[in-house]
């Protein structure tokens, strides 16, 4: 698994850097600037919920280009940088709609023993892995097959991703607490860390949960 991730990363390092410069860094900077804005204004009382939603949007919206890159690499097909940019914009509305819909279902699901919340989290977490499917029905069929196969291990991966984000967040705040303009520095550090960590996370999830894409990967 680790070797597969490393191979994909090394073979596509230039493309990954370009995606990070053109998509990941600007989009993540916008997201975390928006989060900081909602924390600053006093009129918003659900700023933590908004921040969580924006972080999830950041994760899901940037996933498809890296999934598409891994897909092409695992199938030994060439992949152009401009194609990945098109994938981002083509799937942005789709990812946003699914994320908003299931985030709302998950928030409301907290009143029903958290079962809808858990299912919504799993859908949001896995739906970018099926942006290559022709329609949403096939995507949900793929998610259902993973849920039947992996069971509790999906929640373990979700926990790891959330813990990594929490670790980066708390560590950044601690290390940058003495900076005068620590908000800007913190956002910059988060953006750079996301540019480094997100491709690795996306490749890991692609190899693990879409083992149909390339024979022998993730084994």
C-alpha atoms as a PDB file:
ATOM      1  CA  UNK A   1       0.000   0.000   0.000  1.00  0.00           C
ATOM      2  CA  UNK A   2       2.679   2.509   1.033  1.00  0.00           C
ATOM      3  CA  UNK A   3       4.810   1.562  -1.953  1.00  0.00           C
ATOM      4  CA  UNK A   4       1.845   2.016  -4.312  1.00  0.00           C
ATOM      5  CA  UNK A   5       1.151   5.487  -2.890  1.00  0.00           C
ATOM      6  CA  UNK A   6       4.819   6.408  -3.175  1.00  0.00           C
ATOM      7  CA  UNK A   7       4.985   5.152  -6.772  1.00  0.00           C
ATOM      8  CA  UNK A   8       1.942   7.188  -7.829  1.00  0.00           C
ATOM      9  CA  UNK A   9       3.321  10.261  -6.094  1.00  0.00           C
ATOM     10  CA  UNK A  10       6.784   9.933  -7.610  1.00  0.00           C
ATOM     11  CA  UNK A  11       5.558   9.235 -11.138  1.00  0.00           C
ATOM     12  CA  UNK A  12       3.258  12.269 -11.069  1.00  0.00           C
ATOM     13  CA  UNK A  13       5.204  14.693  -8.887  1.00  0.00           C
ATOM     14  CA  UNK A  14       5.181  17.521 -11.449  1.00  0.00           C
ATOM     15  CA  UNK A  15       1.450  17.175 -12.084  1.00  0.00           C
ATOM     16  CA  UNK A  16       0.767  17.039  -8.342  1.00  0.00           C
ATOM     17  CA  UNK A  17       2.758  20.228  -7.790  1.00  0.00           C
ATOM     18  CA  UNK A  18       0.810  21.965 -10.551  1.00  0.00           C
ATOM     19  CA  UNK A  19      -2.529  20.861  -9.102  1.00  0.00           C
ATOM     20  CA  UNK A  20      -1.442  22.079  -5.685  1.00  0.00           C
ATOM     21  CA  UNK A  21      -0.375  25.466  -7.026  1.00  0.00           C
ATOM     22  CA  UNK A  22      -3.424  26.011  -9.232  1.00  0.00           C
ATOM     23  CA  UNK A  23      -6.194  24.312  -7.223  1.00  0.00           C
ATOM     24  CA  UNK A  24      -5.276  23.147  -3.718  1.00  0.00           C
ATOM     25  CA  UNK A  25      -3.488  26.224  -2.422  1.00  0.00           C
ATOM     26  CA  UNK A  26      -5.914  28.891  -3.731  1.00  0.00           C
ATOM     27  CA  UNK A  27      -9.058  26.918  -2.825  1.00  0.00           C
ATOM     28  CA  UNK A  28      -7.813  25.939   0.637  1.00  0.00           C
ATOM     29  CA  UNK A  29      -6.691  29.519   1.316  1.00  0.00           C
ATOM     30  CA  UNK A  30     -10.184  30.750   0.412  1.00  0.00           C
ATOM     31  CA  UNK A  31     -11.827  28.110   2.631  1.00  0.00           C
ATOM     32  CA  UNK A  32      -9.743  28.856   5.711  1.00  0.00           C
ATOM     33  CA  UNK A  33     -10.045  32.606   5.189  1.00  0.00           C
ATOM     34  CA  UNK A  34     -13.817  32.147   5.171  1.00  0.00           C
ATOM     35  CA  UNK A  35     -13.593  30.075   8.357  1.00  0.00           C
ATOM     36  CA  UNK A  36     -11.550  32.795  10.018  1.00  0.00           C
ATOM     37  CA  UNK A  37     -14.104  35.386   8.918  1.00  0.00           C
ATOM     38  CA  UNK A  38     -16.982  33.502  10.538  1.00  0.00           C
ATOM     39  CA  UNK A  39     -14.980  33.155  13.748  1.00  0.00           C
ATOM     40  CA  UNK A  40     -14.305  36.893  13.857  1.00  0.00           C
ATOM     41  CA  UNK A  41     -17.851  38.192  13.332  1.00  0.00           C
ATOM     42  CA  UNK A  42     -20.086  38.026  16.388  1.00  0.00           C
ATOM     43  CA  UNK A  43     -23.408  37.655  14.586  1.00  0.00           C
ATOM     44  CA  UNK A  44     -22.858  34.001  13.698  1.00  0.00           C
ATOM     45  CA  UNK A  45     -23.593  31.596  16.567  1.00  0.00           C
ATOM     46  CA  UNK A  46     -22.927  28.352  14.702  1.00  0.00           C
ATOM     47  CA  UNK A  47     -19.414  29.204  13.556  1.00  0.00           C
ATOM     48  CA  UNK A  48     -18.053  25.778  14.583  1.00  0.00           C
ATOM     49  CA  UNK A  49     -20.662  24.019  12.450  1.00  0.00           C
ATOM     50  CA  UNK A  50     -19.899  26.295   9.501  1.00  0.00           C
ATOM     51  CA  UNK A  51     -16.162  25.695   9.937  1.00  0.00           C
ATOM     52  CA  UNK A  52     -16.719  21.925   9.946  1.00  0.00           C
ATOM     53  CA  UNK A  53     -18.837  22.161   6.802  1.00  0.00           C
ATOM     54  CA  UNK A  54     -16.238  24.254   4.976  1.00  0.00           C
ATOM     55  CA  UNK A  55     -13.437  21.859   5.925  1.00  0.00           C
ATOM     56  CA  UNK A  56     -15.493  18.962   4.559  1.00  0.00           C
ATOM     57  CA  UNK A  57     -16.186  20.889   1.350  1.00  0.00           C
ATOM     58  CA  UNK A  58     -12.464  21.512   1.047  1.00  0.00           C
ATOM     59  CA  UNK A  59     -11.819  17.773   1.358  1.00  0.00           C
ATOM     60  CA  UNK A  60     -14.505  16.570  -1.057  1.00  0.00           C
ATOM     61  CA  UNK A  61     -14.115  19.275  -3.732  1.00  0.00           C
ATOM     62  CA  UNK A  62     -10.367  18.686  -4.123  1.00  0.00           C
ATOM     63  CA  UNK A  63     -10.673  14.894  -4.131  1.00  0.00           C
ATOM     64  CA  UNK A  64     -11.833  14.247  -7.769  1.00  0.00           C
ATOM     65  CA  UNK A  65      -8.716  15.576  -9.575  1.00  0.00           C
ATOM     66  CA  UNK A  66      -6.406  13.408  -7.464  1.00  0.00           C
ATOM     67  CA  UNK A  67      -8.725  10.430  -7.772  1.00  0.00           C
ATOM     68  CA  UNK A  68      -8.745  10.899 -11.533  1.00  0.00           C
ATOM     69  CA  UNK A  69      -4.936  11.133 -11.537  1.00  0.00           C
ATOM     70  CA  UNK A  70      -4.623   7.932  -9.501  1.00  0.00           C
ATOM     71  CA  UNK A  71      -7.203   6.216 -11.697  1.00  0.00           C
ATOM     72  CA  UNK A  72      -5.259   7.002 -14.868  1.00  0.00           C
ATOM     73  CA  UNK A  73      -1.971   6.014 -13.252  1.00  0.00           C
ATOM     74  CA  UNK A  74      -3.288   2.689 -11.966  1.00  0.00           C
ATOM     75  CA  UNK A  75      -4.629   1.911 -15.433  1.00  0.00           C
ATOM     76  CA  UNK A  76      -1.398   3.031 -17.131  1.00  0.00           C
ATOM     77  CA  UNK A  77      -3.149   5.786 -19.076  1.00  0.00           C
ATOM     78  CA  UNK A  78      -1.570   9.214 -19.649  1.00  0.00           C
ATOM     79  CA  UNK A  79      -3.128  12.118 -17.770  1.00  0.00           C
ATOM     80  CA  UNK A  80      -2.769  15.788 -18.694  1.00  0.00           C
ATOM     81  CA  UNK A  81      -2.798  18.562 -16.119  1.00  0.00           C
ATOM     82  CA  UNK A  82      -5.537  20.481 -17.942  1.00  0.00           C
ATOM     83  CA  UNK A  83      -7.748  17.380 -17.766  1.00  0.00           C
ATOM     84  CA  UNK A  84      -7.466  17.401 -13.978  1.00  0.00           C
ATOM     85  CA  UNK A  85      -8.466  21.057 -13.828  1.00  0.00           C
ATOM     86  CA  UNK A  86     -11.523  20.200 -15.942  1.00  0.00           C
ATOM     87  CA  UNK A  87     -12.324  17.322 -13.569  1.00  0.00           C
ATOM     88  CA  UNK A  88     -12.297  19.735 -10.623  1.00  0.00           C
ATOM     89  CA  UNK A  89     -14.713  22.209 -12.196  1.00  0.00           C
ATOM     90  CA  UNK A  90     -16.896  19.493 -13.721  1.00  0.00           C
ATOM     91  CA  UNK A  91     -17.395  17.813 -10.350  1.00  0.00           C
ATOM     92  CA  UNK A  92     -17.414  20.869  -8.096  1.00  0.00           C
ATOM     93  CA  UNK A  93     -21.180  21.409  -8.246  1.00  0.00           C
ATOM     94  CA  UNK A  94     -21.862  17.679  -7.851  1.00  0.00           C
ATOM     95  CA  UNK A  95     -19.549  17.363  -4.848  1.00  0.00           C
ATOM     96  CA  UNK A  96     -20.966  20.523  -3.265  1.00  0.00           C
ATOM     97  CA  UNK A  97     -24.560  19.346  -3.671  1.00  0.00           C
ATOM     98  CA  UNK A  98     -23.885  15.881  -2.211  1.00  0.00           C
ATOM     99  CA  UNK A  99     -21.858  17.359   0.653  1.00  0.00           C
ATOM    100  CA  UNK A 100     -24.512  19.955   1.521  1.00  0.00           C
ATOM    101  CA  UNK A 101     -27.336  17.401   1.313  1.00  0.00           C
ATOM    102  CA  UNK A 102     -25.721  14.743   3.479  1.00  0.00           C
ATOM    103  CA  UNK A 103     -24.200  17.268   5.866  1.00  0.00           C
ATOM    104  CA  UNK A 104     -27.734  18.501   6.590  1.00  0.00           C
ATOM    105  CA  UNK A 105     -28.978  14.919   6.935  1.00  0.00           C
ATOM    106  CA  UNK A 106     -26.076  14.177   9.271  1.00  0.00           C
ATOM    107  CA  UNK A 107     -26.755  17.264  11.380  1.00  0.00           C
ATOM    108  CA  UNK A 108     -30.439  16.361  11.717  1.00  0.00           C
ATOM    109  CA  UNK A 109     -29.516  12.735  12.312  1.00  0.00           C
ATOM    110  CA  UNK A 110     -28.036  13.612  15.696  1.00  0.00           C
ATOM    111  CA  UNK A 111     -31.619  13.543  16.986  1.00  0.00           C
ATOM    112  CA  UNK A 112     -32.061   9.913  15.837  1.00  0.00           C
ATOM    113  CA  UNK A 113     -29.335   8.002  17.692  1.00  0.00           C
ATOM    114  CA  UNK A 114     -26.712   9.274  15.199  1.00  0.00           C
ATOM    115  CA  UNK A 115     -27.393   6.459  12.708  1.00  0.00           C
ATOM    116  CA  UNK A 116     -28.208   8.870   9.820  1.00  0.00           C
ATOM    117  CA  UNK A 117     -25.183  10.912  10.898  1.00  0.00           C
ATOM    118  CA  UNK A 118     -22.815   7.951  10.572  1.00  0.00           C
ATOM    119  CA  UNK A 119     -24.268   6.941   7.205  1.00  0.00           C
ATOM    120  CA  UNK A 120     -24.042  10.538   5.933  1.00  0.00           C
ATOM    121  CA  UNK A 121     -20.397  10.780   6.983  1.00  0.00           C
ATOM    122  CA  UNK A 122     -19.606   7.563   5.114  1.00  0.00           C
ATOM    123  CA  UNK A 123     -21.356   8.799   1.950  1.00  0.00           C
ATOM    124  CA  UNK A 124     -19.531  12.148   2.039  1.00  0.00           C
ATOM    125  CA  UNK A 125     -16.241  10.348   2.653  1.00  0.00           C
ATOM    126  CA  UNK A 126     -16.632   7.855  -0.205  1.00  0.00           C
ATOM    127  CA  UNK A 127     -18.652   9.646  -2.902  1.00  0.00           C
ATOM    128  CA  UNK A 128     -15.589  11.316  -4.524  1.00  0.00           C
ATOM    129  CA  UNK A 129     -14.217   7.824  -5.206  1.00  0.00           C
ATOM    130  CA  UNK A 130     -17.038   7.212  -7.676  1.00  0.00           C
ATOM    131  CA  UNK A 131     -16.934  10.373  -9.770  1.00  0.00           C
ATOM    132  CA  UNK A 132     -15.920   8.156 -12.671  1.00  0.00           C
ATOM    133  CA  UNK A 133     -19.331   6.490 -12.652  1.00  0.00           C
ATOM    134  CA  UNK A 134     -21.954   7.444 -15.187  1.00  0.00           C
ATOM    135  CA  UNK A 135     -24.682   8.336 -12.714  1.00  0.00           C
ATOM    136  CA  UNK A 136     -25.371   8.760  -9.025  1.00  0.00           C
ATOM    137  CA  UNK A 137     -27.107   5.382  -8.773  1.00  0.00           C
ATOM    138  CA  UNK A 138     -23.914   3.579  -9.773  1.00  0.00           C
ATOM    139  CA  UNK A 139     -21.962   5.732  -7.319  1.00  0.00           C
ATOM    140  CA  UNK A 140     -24.239   4.783  -4.428  1.00  0.00           C
ATOM    141  CA  UNK A 141     -24.097   1.151  -5.473  1.00  0.00           C
ATOM    142  CA  UNK A 142     -20.321   1.352  -5.228  1.00  0.00           C
ATOM    143  CA  UNK A 143     -20.560   2.967  -1.781  1.00  0.00           C
ATOM    144  CA  UNK A 144     -22.952   0.257  -0.618  1.00  0.00           C
ATOM    145  CA  UNK A 145     -20.584  -2.486  -1.825  1.00  0.00           C
ATOM    146  CA  UNK A 146     -17.720  -0.911   0.115  1.00  0.00           C
ATOM    147  CA  UNK A 147     -19.880  -0.654   3.240  1.00  0.00           C
ATOM    148  CA  UNK A 148     -20.744  -4.348   2.994  1.00  0.00           C
ATOM    149  CA  UNK A 149     -17.119  -5.301   2.453  1.00  0.00           C
ATOM    150  CA  UNK A 150     -15.266  -3.004   4.864  1.00  0.00           C
ATOM    151  CA  UNK A 151     -17.836  -2.463   7.653  1.00  0.00           C
ATOM    152  CA  UNK A 152     -16.221  -0.808  10.683  1.00  0.00           C
ATOM    153  CA  UNK A 153     -12.895  -0.199   8.928  1.00  0.00           C
ATOM    154  CA  UNK A 154     -14.440   2.694   6.975  1.00  0.00           C
ATOM    155  CA  UNK A 155     -15.112   4.474  10.263  1.00  0.00           C
ATOM    156  CA  UNK A 156     -11.524   3.785  11.299  1.00  0.00           C
ATOM    157  CA  UNK A 157     -10.207   5.537   8.179  1.00  0.00           C
ATOM    158  CA  UNK A 158     -12.617   8.435   8.751  1.00  0.00           C
ATOM    159  CA  UNK A 159     -11.372   8.679  12.329  1.00  0.00           C
ATOM    160  CA  UNK A 160      -7.757   8.725  11.138  1.00  0.00           C
ATOM    161  CA  UNK A 161      -8.432  11.518   8.623  1.00  0.00           C
ATOM    162  CA  UNK A 162     -10.338  13.575  11.217  1.00  0.00           C
ATOM    163  CA  UNK A 163      -7.626  12.985  13.820  1.00  0.00           C
ATOM    164  CA  UNK A 164      -4.946  14.063  11.358  1.00  0.00           C
ATOM    165  CA  UNK A 165      -6.846  17.286  10.675  1.00  0.00           C
ATOM    166  CA  UNK A 166      -7.288  17.890  14.404  1.00  0.00           C
ATOM    167  CA  UNK A 167      -3.599  17.212  15.040  1.00  0.00           C
ATOM    168  CA  UNK A 168      -2.543  19.647  12.310  1.00  0.00           C
ATOM    169  CA  UNK A 169      -5.025  22.250  13.564  1.00  0.00           C
ATOM    170  CA  UNK A 170      -4.029  22.062  17.230  1.00  0.00           C
ATOM    171  CA  UNK A 171      -0.318  21.767  16.452  1.00  0.00           C
ATOM    172  CA  UNK A 172      -0.420  24.794  14.161  1.00  0.00           C
ATOM    173  CA  UNK A 173      -2.226  26.886  16.767  1.00  0.00           C
ATOM    174  CA  UNK A 174       0.289  25.904  19.436  1.00  0.00           C
ATOM    175  CA  UNK A 175       3.387  26.568  17.334  1.00  0.00           C
ATOM    176  CA  UNK A 176       2.094  29.883  15.954  1.00  0.00           C
ATOM    177  CA  UNK A 177       0.586  31.271  19.145  1.00  0.00           C
ATOM    178  CA  UNK A 178       3.360  33.860  19.581  1.00  0.00           C
ATOM    179  CA  UNK A 179       3.118  35.338  16.077  1.00  0.00           C
ATOM    180  CA  UNK A 180       1.587  38.822  15.975  1.00  0.00           C
ATOM    181  CA  UNK A 181      -0.451  38.095  12.849  1.00  0.00           C
ATOM    182  CA  UNK A 182      -0.960  34.457  13.741  1.00  0.00           C
ATOM    183  CA  UNK A 183      -4.246  34.134  11.806  1.00  0.00           C
ATOM    184  CA  UNK A 184      -2.593  34.776   8.445  1.00  0.00           C
ATOM    185  CA  UNK A 185       0.411  32.637   9.343  1.00  0.00           C
ATOM    186  CA  UNK A 186      -1.880  29.841  10.559  1.00  0.00           C
ATOM    187  CA  UNK A 187      -3.914  29.895   7.340  1.00  0.00           C
ATOM    188  CA  UNK A 188      -0.731  29.823   5.275  1.00  0.00           C
ATOM    189  CA  UNK A 189       0.651  26.874   7.232  1.00  0.00           C
ATOM    190  CA  UNK A 190      -2.651  24.972   6.944  1.00  0.00           C
ATOM    191  CA  UNK A 191      -2.733  25.597   3.199  1.00  0.00           C
ATOM    192  CA  UNK A 192       0.798  24.281   2.732  1.00  0.00           C
ATOM    193  CA  UNK A 193       0.172  21.244   4.949  1.00  0.00           C
ATOM    194  CA  UNK A 194      -2.992  20.448   3.020  1.00  0.00           C
ATOM    195  CA  UNK A 195      -1.068  20.683  -0.246  1.00  0.00           C
ATOM    196  CA  UNK A 196       1.337  18.061   1.118  1.00  0.00           C
ATOM    197  CA  UNK A 197      -1.025  15.736   2.989  1.00  0.00           C
ATOM    198  CA  UNK A 198      -4.197  15.696   0.897  1.00  0.00           C
ATOM    199  CA  UNK A 199      -2.696  14.006  -2.204  1.00  0.00           C
ATOM    200  CA  UNK A 200      -1.324  11.206  -0.013  1.00  0.00           C
ATOM    201  CA  UNK A 201      -4.679  10.736   1.714  1.00  0.00           C
ATOM    202  CA  UNK A 202      -6.529  10.731  -1.612  1.00  0.00           C
ATOM    203  CA  UNK A 203      -4.157   8.180  -3.133  1.00  0.00           C
ATOM    204  CA  UNK A 204      -4.453   5.955  -0.052  1.00  0.00           C
ATOM    205  CA  UNK A 205      -8.253   6.001  -0.183  1.00  0.00           C
ATOM    206  CA  UNK A 206      -8.286   5.385  -3.941  1.00  0.00           C
ATOM    207  CA  UNK A 207      -5.996   2.367  -3.720  1.00  0.00           C
ATOM    208  CA  UNK A 208      -7.773   0.898  -0.710  1.00  0.00           C
ATOM    209  CA  UNK A 209     -11.403   1.342  -1.733  1.00  0.00           C
ATOM    210  CA  UNK A 210     -11.156   1.177  -5.527  1.00  0.00           C
ATOM    211  CA  UNK A 211      -9.033  -1.935  -5.833  1.00  0.00           C
ATOM    212  CA  UNK A 212     -10.894  -2.684  -9.060  1.00  0.00           C
ATOM    213  CA  UNK A 213      -8.909   0.028 -10.836  1.00  0.00           C
ATOM    214  CA  UNK A 214      -5.586  -1.760 -11.032  1.00  0.00           C
ATOM    215  CA  UNK A 215      -4.679  -5.401 -10.522  1.00  0.00           C
ATOM    216  CA  UNK A 216      -2.464  -5.977  -7.541  1.00  0.00           C
ATOM    217  CA  UNK A 217      -2.786  -2.498  -6.061  1.00  0.00           C
ATOM    218  CA  UNK A 218      -3.556  -2.202  -2.408  1.00  0.00           C
ATOM    219  CA  UNK A 219      -2.851  -5.875  -1.815  1.00  0.00           C
END
